[in-house]
Protein backbone atom coordinates (compact mmCIF):
# COMPACT_ATOMS: atom_id res chain seq x y z
CA MET A 1 97.11 141.83 97.73
CA SER A 2 100.21 143.95 98.38
CA LYS A 3 100.09 145.08 94.73
CA CYS A 4 96.48 146.23 95.03
CA ASP A 5 95.88 149.96 95.37
CA PRO A 6 94.73 150.48 99.00
CA SER A 7 91.95 152.82 97.89
CA HIS A 8 90.42 149.95 95.89
CA ALA A 9 90.82 147.40 98.68
CA THR A 10 87.72 148.68 100.48
CA SER A 11 85.23 147.25 97.98
CA TYR A 12 84.50 143.54 97.58
CA GLU A 13 83.97 143.99 93.84
CA SER A 14 87.32 145.79 93.46
CA ILE A 15 89.18 143.09 95.36
CA LYS A 16 87.41 140.35 93.40
CA LYS A 17 88.24 142.02 90.08
CA PHE A 18 91.87 142.50 91.12
CA LEU A 19 92.28 138.87 92.20
CA LEU A 20 90.67 137.54 89.04
CA GLN A 21 93.04 139.67 86.94
CA VAL A 22 96.06 138.46 88.90
CA LEU A 23 95.03 134.80 88.77
CA HIS A 24 93.83 135.13 85.16
CA LEU A 25 92.04 131.81 84.99
CA SER A 26 90.75 130.85 81.57
CA PRO A 27 87.05 130.23 80.94
CA SER A 28 87.75 126.52 80.44
CA VAL A 29 89.34 126.35 83.91
CA TYR A 30 86.22 127.96 85.43
CA LEU A 31 84.01 125.47 83.58
CA ASP A 32 86.17 122.56 84.75
CA LYS A 33 86.04 123.82 88.34
CA PHE A 34 82.24 124.11 88.11
CA SER A 35 81.83 120.68 86.53
CA ALA A 36 84.18 118.94 88.96
CA LEU A 37 82.59 120.35 92.10
CA VAL A 38 81.01 117.74 94.33
CA ARG A 39 79.19 118.18 97.61
CA ASP A 40 81.14 117.32 100.72
CA LYS A 41 79.09 114.88 102.75
CA ASP A 42 79.47 117.01 105.86
CA LYS A 43 78.24 120.19 104.11
CA ALA A 44 74.63 121.29 103.68
CA PHE A 45 73.01 121.42 100.25
CA GLY A 46 72.62 125.18 100.68
CA GLN A 47 76.40 125.56 100.99
CA PHE A 48 76.90 123.33 97.96
CA SER A 49 74.39 125.42 96.01
CA THR A 50 76.26 128.61 96.94
CA ARG A 51 79.58 127.15 95.77
CA LEU A 52 78.02 125.92 92.51
CA THR A 53 76.44 129.31 91.88
CA SER A 54 79.68 131.14 92.54
CA ARG A 55 81.71 128.96 90.19
CA PHE A 56 79.06 129.13 87.49
CA GLU A 57 78.90 132.93 87.77
CA TYR A 58 82.71 133.15 87.43
CA TYR A 59 82.47 131.02 84.31
CA VAL A 60 79.63 133.02 82.75
CA GLU A 61 81.41 136.28 83.64
CA SER A 62 84.62 135.05 82.00
CA ARG A 63 82.64 134.33 78.82
CA LYS A 64 81.12 137.83 78.88
CA VAL A 65 77.50 136.66 78.76
CA ASP A 66 76.37 139.96 80.38
CA HIS A 67 73.05 138.81 81.90
CA SER A 68 71.64 137.80 78.50
CA TYR A 69 69.47 134.69 78.48
CA ASP A 70 70.05 134.21 74.74
CA LYS A 71 73.83 134.39 75.18
CA LEU A 72 73.64 131.94 78.06
CA VAL A 73 71.68 129.45 75.96
CA ASP A 74 74.16 129.86 73.10
CA LEU A 75 77.06 129.33 75.49
CA MET A 76 75.59 126.15 76.96
CA ILE A 77 74.95 124.71 73.46
CA TYR A 78 78.41 125.85 72.32
CA ASP A 79 80.07 124.12 75.27
CA LYS A 80 78.11 120.91 74.70
CA ILE A 81 79.13 120.83 71.03
CA LYS A 82 82.74 121.64 71.93
CA ALA A 83 82.77 118.74 74.40
CA SER A 84 81.87 116.37 71.57
CA LEU A 85 84.75 117.44 69.29
CA SER A 86 87.75 115.27 68.57
CA PRO A 87 90.84 116.24 70.61
CA SER A 88 92.61 117.82 67.63
CA LEU A 89 89.58 119.86 66.61
CA ALA A 90 88.98 120.88 70.23
CA ARG A 91 92.58 122.17 70.47
CA HIS A 92 92.04 124.14 67.26
CA VAL A 93 88.84 125.70 68.60
CA LEU A 94 90.61 126.57 71.88
CA SER A 95 93.36 128.36 69.94
CA LEU A 96 90.74 130.32 67.98
CA GLU A 97 88.96 131.21 71.22
CA ALA A 98 92.17 132.54 72.76
CA ALA A 99 92.49 135.04 69.92
CA HIS A 100 88.83 136.10 70.04
CA LYS A 101 87.81 139.20 72.01
CA ASP A 102 85.04 137.39 73.94
CA LEU A 103 87.07 134.17 74.32
CA TRP A 104 84.43 132.17 72.47
CA LEU A 105 83.34 132.11 68.85
CA VAL A 106 79.71 133.24 68.88
CA GLU A 107 79.29 136.72 67.42
CA TYR A 108 76.73 139.25 68.64
CA PRO A 109 75.93 142.60 67.03
C-alpha cells in the first residue's frame, strides 16, 4: 500500500484496483480459488455465499465479461470445454489466452 497514491487510497474501488494490479493474479488462478472454496463448518452459509460471490466476481472481472449474460454463458461453456482438453492442448490454449487482449479466445464485435 505504500506505493499507492494517497489521494486514491480513500476509495474502496481504487484500493481494490491497485491491489489487483499489484498481485496480478491470472484468470485461471481466480477460477481455481473459486472452485476450491469450501465452507468452513463454523461459518454461516451467508458468509460462504459472500465469499463465493466475491471470488466469482473477481474471476468474471478478470475475463472482462462486462455484465453481459451472453458473455457469461460463453465463458462458462468455454471453461467447461477447456477443462476437458488434454494437458498438452490445455497448455497450448493457455499460451494463446495469455497473448489475447481479453485473456480468453472468444471474440466479440
